[in-house]
Amino acid sequence: MKKKFLLCLTLAVVIAGVSVAIHSENLAAKEKSKLSGDCTFNGIKLYGKVQVVDAFPDIKVEVVDAFPDLKVQVVDAFPEECGKWQFVDAFPDFKVQFVDAFPDIKIQYVDAFPGQP
Protein backbone atom coordinates (compact mmCIF):
# COMPACT_ATOMS: atom_id res chain seq x y z
CA MET A 1 0.00 0.00 0.00
CA LYS A 2 2.81 2.40 0.87
CA LYS A 3 4.59 1.58 -2.38
CA LYS A 4 1.51 2.49 -4.43
CA PHE A 5 1.11 5.73 -2.50
CA LEU A 6 4.77 6.67 -3.01
CA LEU A 7 4.56 5.75 -6.68
CA CYS A 8 1.45 7.93 -7.15
CA LEU A 9 3.04 10.77 -5.21
CA THR A 10 6.22 10.57 -7.31
CA LEU A 11 4.22 10.50 -10.52
CA ALA A 12 2.22 13.55 -9.44
CA VAL A 13 5.40 15.49 -8.66
CA VAL A 14 6.92 14.58 -12.03
CA ILE A 15 3.76 15.62 -13.90
CA ALA A 16 3.64 18.91 -11.99
CA GLY A 17 7.31 19.58 -12.82
CA VAL A 18 6.78 18.90 -16.52
CA SER A 19 3.73 21.16 -16.53
CA VAL A 20 5.71 24.02 -14.94
CA ALA A 21 8.55 23.56 -17.45
CA ILE A 22 6.17 23.67 -20.42
CA HIS A 23 4.46 26.78 -19.05
CA SER A 24 7.84 28.49 -18.55
CA GLU A 25 8.87 27.72 -22.14
CA ASN A 26 5.60 29.20 -23.43
CA LEU A 27 6.17 32.40 -21.44
CA ALA A 28 9.74 32.65 -22.72
CA ALA A 29 8.53 32.27 -26.31
CA LYS A 30 5.95 35.02 -25.83
CA GLU A 31 8.55 37.38 -24.36
CA LYS A 32 11.07 36.58 -27.09
CA SER A 33 9.15 38.64 -29.63
CA LYS A 34 8.71 42.07 -28.10
CA LEU A 35 7.43 43.57 -31.33
CA SER A 36 4.04 43.15 -32.94
CA GLY A 37 3.77 41.77 -36.44
CA ASP A 38 2.83 45.23 -37.71
CA CYS A 39 6.20 46.69 -36.64
CA THR A 40 5.01 48.32 -33.44
CA PHE A 41 6.03 48.25 -29.80
CA ASN A 42 3.25 49.04 -27.34
CA GLY A 43 1.35 50.78 -30.13
CA ILE A 44 4.33 52.88 -31.25
CA LYS A 45 5.26 52.38 -34.90
CA LEU A 46 8.95 51.58 -35.20
CA TYR A 47 9.67 53.75 -38.20
CA GLY A 48 9.59 57.45 -38.81
CA LYS A 49 11.19 60.48 -37.23
CA VAL A 50 13.09 59.67 -34.03
CA GLN A 51 14.41 61.99 -31.35
CA VAL A 52 17.12 60.84 -28.93
CA VAL A 53 16.46 61.97 -25.35
CA ASP A 54 18.14 61.50 -21.97
CA ALA A 55 14.91 61.16 -19.99
CA PHE A 56 11.26 60.24 -20.46
CA PRO A 57 11.61 58.20 -23.66
CA ASP A 58 8.82 56.36 -25.39
CA ILE A 59 11.18 53.39 -25.86
CA LYS A 60 14.45 52.40 -24.19
CA VAL A 61 16.80 50.99 -26.84
CA GLU A 62 20.00 48.95 -26.65
CA VAL A 63 22.25 48.73 -29.72
CA VAL A 64 23.54 45.17 -30.28
CA ASP A 65 25.65 43.38 -32.88
CA ALA A 66 23.55 40.20 -32.97
CA PHE A 67 20.06 38.92 -32.23
CA PRO A 68 18.18 42.25 -32.44
CA ASP A 69 14.46 42.72 -32.09
CA LEU A 70 14.63 45.23 -34.97
CA LYS A 71 17.12 46.01 -37.72
CA VAL A 72 17.36 49.80 -38.16
CA GLN A 73 18.48 51.70 -41.25
CA VAL A 74 19.18 55.39 -40.67
CA VAL A 75 17.81 57.48 -43.55
CA ASP A 76 17.81 61.18 -44.42
CA ALA A 77 14.26 61.22 -45.79
CA PHE A 78 11.13 59.13 -46.23
CA PRO A 79 11.31 56.89 -43.12
CA GLU A 80 8.10 55.15 -44.15
CA GLU A 81 9.00 51.46 -43.83
CA CYS A 82 9.56 49.22 -40.83
CA GLY A 83 12.97 49.90 -39.30
CA LYS A 84 13.74 53.09 -41.22
CA TRP A 85 14.61 55.86 -38.77
CA GLN A 86 15.28 59.52 -39.49
CA PHE A 87 16.88 61.24 -36.49
CA VAL A 88 15.45 64.70 -35.78
CA ASP A 89 15.76 67.37 -33.09
CA ALA A 90 12.09 68.36 -33.02
CA PHE A 91 8.63 67.03 -33.85
CA PRO A 92 9.46 63.31 -33.62
CA ASP A 93 7.09 60.42 -34.18
CA PHE A 94 8.63 58.82 -31.08
CA LYS A 95 11.50 59.35 -28.62
CA VAL A 96 14.22 56.87 -27.71
CA GLN A 97 16.79 56.67 -24.96
CA PHE A 98 19.87 54.54 -25.57
CA VAL A 99 20.67 52.30 -22.60
CA ASP A 100 23.22 49.59 -21.79
CA ALA A 101 20.88 47.45 -19.70
CA PHE A 102 17.18 46.64 -19.36
CA PRO A 103 16.05 47.89 -22.79
CA ASP A 104 12.52 47.72 -24.11
CA ILE A 105 13.91 46.61 -27.49
CA LYS A 106 17.29 45.76 -28.99
CA ILE A 107 18.29 47.18 -32.36
CA GLN A 108 21.05 46.51 -34.84
CA TYR A 109 22.08 49.14 -37.36
CA VAL A 110 22.11 47.91 -40.97
CA ASP A 111 22.82 49.47 -44.36
CA ALA A 112 20.05 47.54 -46.11
CA PHE A 113 17.03 45.36 -45.39
CA PRO A 114 15.71 47.03 -42.22
CA GLY A 115 12.80 45.62 -40.23
CA GLN A 116 12.11 42.61 -38.12
CA PRO A 117 14.66 39.80 -38.45
C-alpha atoms as a PDB file:
ATOM      1  CA  MET A   1       0.000   0.000   0.000  1.00  0.00           C
ATOM      2  CA  LYS A   2       2.814   2.400   0.871  1.00  0.00           C
ATOM      3  CA  LYS A   3       4.588   1.584  -2.384  1.00  0.00           C
ATOM      4  CA  LYS A   4       1.509   2.495  -4.431  1.00  0.00           C
ATOM      5  CA  PHE A   5       1.110   5.734  -2.500  1.00  0.00           C
ATOM      6  CA  LEU A   6       4.773   6.670  -3.007  1.00  0.00           C
ATOM      7  CA  LEU A   7       4.556   5.751  -6.682  1.00  0.00           C
ATOM      8  CA  CYS A   8       1.448   7.926  -7.153  1.00  0.00           C
ATOM      9  CA  LEU A   9       3.041  10.775  -5.210  1.00  0.00           C
ATOM     10  CA  THR A  10       6.219  10.572  -7.306  1.00  0.00           C
ATOM     11  CA  LEU A  11       4.216  10.496 -10.516  1.00  0.00           C
ATOM     12  CA  ALA A  12       2.218  13.554  -9.441  1.00  0.00           C
ATOM     13  CA  VAL A  13       5.401  15.485  -8.658  1.00  0.00           C
ATOM     14  CA  VAL A  14       6.920  14.575 -12.031  1.00  0.00           C
ATOM     15  CA  ILE A  15       3.765  15.621 -13.899  1.00  0.00           C
ATOM     16  CA  ALA A  16       3.642  18.915 -11.993  1.00  0.00           C
ATOM     17  CA  GLY A  17       7.310  19.582 -12.819  1.00  0.00           C
ATOM     18  CA  VAL A  18       6.778  18.903 -16.519  1.00  0.00           C
ATOM     19  CA  SER A  19       3.733  21.163 -16.533  1.00  0.00           C
ATOM     20  CA  VAL A  20       5.707  24.020 -14.945  1.00  0.00           C
ATOM     21  CA  ALA A  21       8.551  23.556 -17.448  1.00  0.00           C
ATOM     22  CA  ILE A  22       6.171  23.674 -20.418  1.00  0.00           C
ATOM     23  CA  HIS A  23       4.460  26.778 -19.046  1.00  0.00           C
ATOM     24  CA  SER A  24       7.842  28.486 -18.548  1.00  0.00           C
ATOM     25  CA  GLU A  25       8.867  27.719 -22.145  1.00  0.00           C
ATOM     26  CA  ASN A  26       5.602  29.197 -23.434  1.00  0.00           C
ATOM     27  CA  LEU A  27       6.166  32.396 -21.438  1.00  0.00           C
ATOM     28  CA  ALA A  28       9.735  32.647 -22.721  1.00  0.00           C
ATOM     29  CA  ALA A  29       8.532  32.269 -26.309  1.00  0.00           C
ATOM     30  CA  LYS A  30       5.950  35.017 -25.835  1.00  0.00           C
ATOM     31  CA  GLU A  31       8.548  37.376 -24.356  1.00  0.00           C
ATOM     32  CA  LYS A  32      11.074  36.584 -27.086  1.00  0.00           C
ATOM     33  CA  SER A  33       9.155  38.642 -29.628  1.00  0.00           C
ATOM     34  CA  LYS A  34       8.705  42.075 -28.104  1.00  0.00           C
ATOM     35  CA  LEU A  35       7.428  43.575 -31.333  1.00  0.00           C
ATOM     36  CA  SER A  36       4.044  43.153 -32.939  1.00  0.00           C
ATOM     37  CA  GLY A  37       3.769  41.767 -36.442  1.00  0.00           C
ATOM     38  CA  ASP A  38       2.832  45.231 -37.705  1.00  0.00           C
ATOM     39  CA  CYS A  39       6.201  46.694 -36.644  1.00  0.00           C
ATOM     40  CA  THR A  40       5.015  48.324 -33.443  1.00  0.00           C
ATOM     41  CA  PHE A  41       6.030  48.251 -29.800  1.00  0.00           C
ATOM     42  CA  ASN A  42       3.246  49.045 -27.335  1.00  0.00           C
ATOM     43  CA  GLY A  43       1.349  50.781 -30.125  1.00  0.00           C
ATOM     44  CA  ILE A  44       4.330  52.881 -31.255  1.00  0.00           C
ATOM     45  CA  LYS A  45       5.261  52.378 -34.898  1.00  0.00           C
ATOM     46  CA  LEU A  46       8.954  51.582 -35.198  1.00  0.00           C
ATOM     47  CA  TYR A  47       9.672  53.753 -38.202  1.00  0.00           C
ATOM     48  CA  GLY A  48       9.588  57.454 -38.811  1.00  0.00           C
ATOM     49  CA  LYS A  49      11.189  60.485 -37.229  1.00  0.00           C
ATOM     50  CA  VAL A  50      13.088  59.667 -34.031  1.00  0.00           C
ATOM     51  CA  GLN A  51      14.412  61.989 -31.346  1.00  0.00           C
ATOM     52  CA  VAL A  52      17.115  60.842 -28.933  1.00  0.00           C
ATOM     53  CA  VAL A  53      16.458  61.968 -25.347  1.00  0.00           C
ATOM     54  CA  ASP A  54      18.143  61.500 -21.970  1.00  0.00           C
ATOM     55  CA  ALA A  55      14.914  61.160 -19.989  1.00  0.00           C
ATOM     56  CA  PHE A  56      11.261  60.236 -20.457  1.00  0.00           C
ATOM     57  CA  PRO A  57      11.611  58.199 -23.659  1.00  0.00           C
ATOM     58  CA  ASP A  58       8.818  56.359 -25.387  1.00  0.00           C
ATOM     59  CA  ILE A  59      11.179  53.392 -25.860  1.00  0.00           C
ATOM     60  CA  LYS A  60      14.451  52.397 -24.190  1.00  0.00           C
ATOM     61  CA  VAL A  61      16.804  50.992 -26.838  1.00  0.00           C
ATOM     62  CA  GLU A  62      19.996  48.950 -26.651  1.00  0.00           C
ATOM     63  CA  VAL A  63      22.252  48.726 -29.717  1.00  0.00           C
ATOM     64  CA  VAL A  64      23.535  45.171 -30.282  1.00  0.00           C
ATOM     65  CA  ASP A  65      25.651  43.381 -32.883  1.00  0.00           C
ATOM     66  CA  ALA A  66      23.555  40.201 -32.971  1.00  0.00           C
ATOM     67  CA  PHE A  67      20.056  38.921 -32.234  1.00  0.00           C
ATOM     68  CA  PRO A  68      18.185  42.251 -32.436  1.00  0.00           C
ATOM     69  CA  ASP A  69      14.457  42.722 -32.092  1.00  0.00           C
ATOM     70  CA  LEU A  70      14.628  45.232 -34.971  1.00  0.00           C
ATOM     71  CA  LYS A  71      17.120  46.015 -37.718  1.00  0.00           C
ATOM     72  CA  VAL A  72      17.364  49.801 -38.163  1.00  0.00           C
ATOM     73  CA  GLN A  73      18.481  51.700 -41.248  1.00  0.00           C
ATOM     74  CA  VAL A  74      19.184  55.392 -40.673  1.00  0.00           C
ATOM     75  CA  VAL A  75      17.806  57.483 -43.551  1.00  0.00           C
ATOM     76  CA  ASP A  76      17.815  61.182 -44.421  1.00  0.00           C
ATOM     77  CA  ALA A  77      14.262  61.220 -45.787  1.00  0.00           C
ATOM     78  CA  PHE A  78      11.133  59.128 -46.225  1.00  0.00           C
ATOM     79  CA  PRO A  79      11.312  56.894 -43.115  1.00  0.00           C
ATOM     80  CA  GLU A  80       8.097  55.154 -44.148  1.00  0.00           C
ATOM     81  CA  GLU A  81       8.995  51.464 -43.829  1.00  0.00           C
ATOM     82  CA  CYS A  82       9.561  49.220 -40.832  1.00  0.00           C
ATOM     83  CA  GLY A  83      12.971  49.902 -39.299  1.00  0.00           C
ATOM     84  CA  LYS A  84      13.739  53.086 -41.219  1.00  0.00           C
ATOM     85  CA  TRP A  85      14.615  55.856 -38.772  1.00  0.00           C
ATOM     86  CA  GLN A  86      15.276  59.521 -39.487  1.00  0.00           C
ATOM     87  CA  PHE A  87      16.881  61.243 -36.490  1.00  0.00           C
ATOM     88  CA  VAL A  88      15.448  64.701 -35.775  1.00  0.00           C
ATOM     89  CA  ASP A  89      15.758  67.369 -33.085  1.00  0.00           C
ATOM     90  CA  ALA A  90      12.089  68.365 -33.023  1.00  0.00           C
ATOM     91  CA  PHE A  91       8.627  67.028 -33.848  1.00  0.00           C
ATOM     92  CA  PRO A  92       9.459  63.308 -33.624  1.00  0.00           C
ATOM     93  CA  ASP A  93       7.093  60.418 -34.176  1.00  0.00           C
ATOM     94  CA  PHE A  94       8.627  58.818 -31.080  1.00  0.00           C
ATOM     95  CA  LYS A  95      11.502  59.349 -28.621  1.00  0.00           C
ATOM     96  CA  VAL A  96      14.217  56.869 -27.713  1.00  0.00           C
ATOM     97  CA  GLN A  97      16.787  56.667 -24.959  1.00  0.00           C
ATOM     98  CA  PHE A  98      19.868  54.544 -25.569  1.00  0.00           C
ATOM     99  CA  VAL A  99      20.672  52.299 -22.600  1.00  0.00           C
ATOM    100  CA  ASP A 100      23.216  49.589 -21.791  1.00  0.00           C
ATOM    101  CA  ALA A 101      20.878  47.453 -19.696  1.00  0.00           C
ATOM    102  CA  PHE A 102      17.184  46.638 -19.364  1.00  0.00           C
ATOM    103  CA  PRO A 103      16.050  47.887 -22.788  1.00  0.00           C
ATOM    104  CA  ASP A 104      12.520  47.715 -24.113  1.00  0.00           C
ATOM    105  CA  ILE A 105      13.911  46.615 -27.487  1.00  0.00           C
ATOM    106  CA  LYS A 106      17.288  45.762 -28.988  1.00  0.00           C
ATOM    107  CA  ILE A 107      18.294  47.183 -32.355  1.00  0.00           C
ATOM    108  CA  GLN A 108      21.053  46.506 -34.843  1.00  0.00           C
ATOM    109  CA  TYR A 109      22.083  49.140 -37.359  1.00  0.00           C
ATOM    110  CA  VAL A 110      22.107  47.914 -40.968  1.00  0.00           C
ATOM    111  CA  ASP A 111      22.822  49.472 -44.359  1.00  0.00           C
ATOM    112  CA  ALA A 112      20.050  47.539 -46.106  1.00  0.00           C
ATOM    113  CA  PHE A 113      17.033  45.359 -45.388  1.00  0.00           C
ATOM    114  CA  PRO A 114      15.715  47.030 -42.222  1.00  0.00           C
ATOM    115  CA  GLY A 115      12.804  45.622 -40.234  1.00  0.00           C
ATOM    116  CA  GLN A 116      12.113  42.615 -38.118  1.00  0.00           C
ATOM    117  CA  PRO A 117      14.658  39.805 -38.452  1.00  0.00           C
END
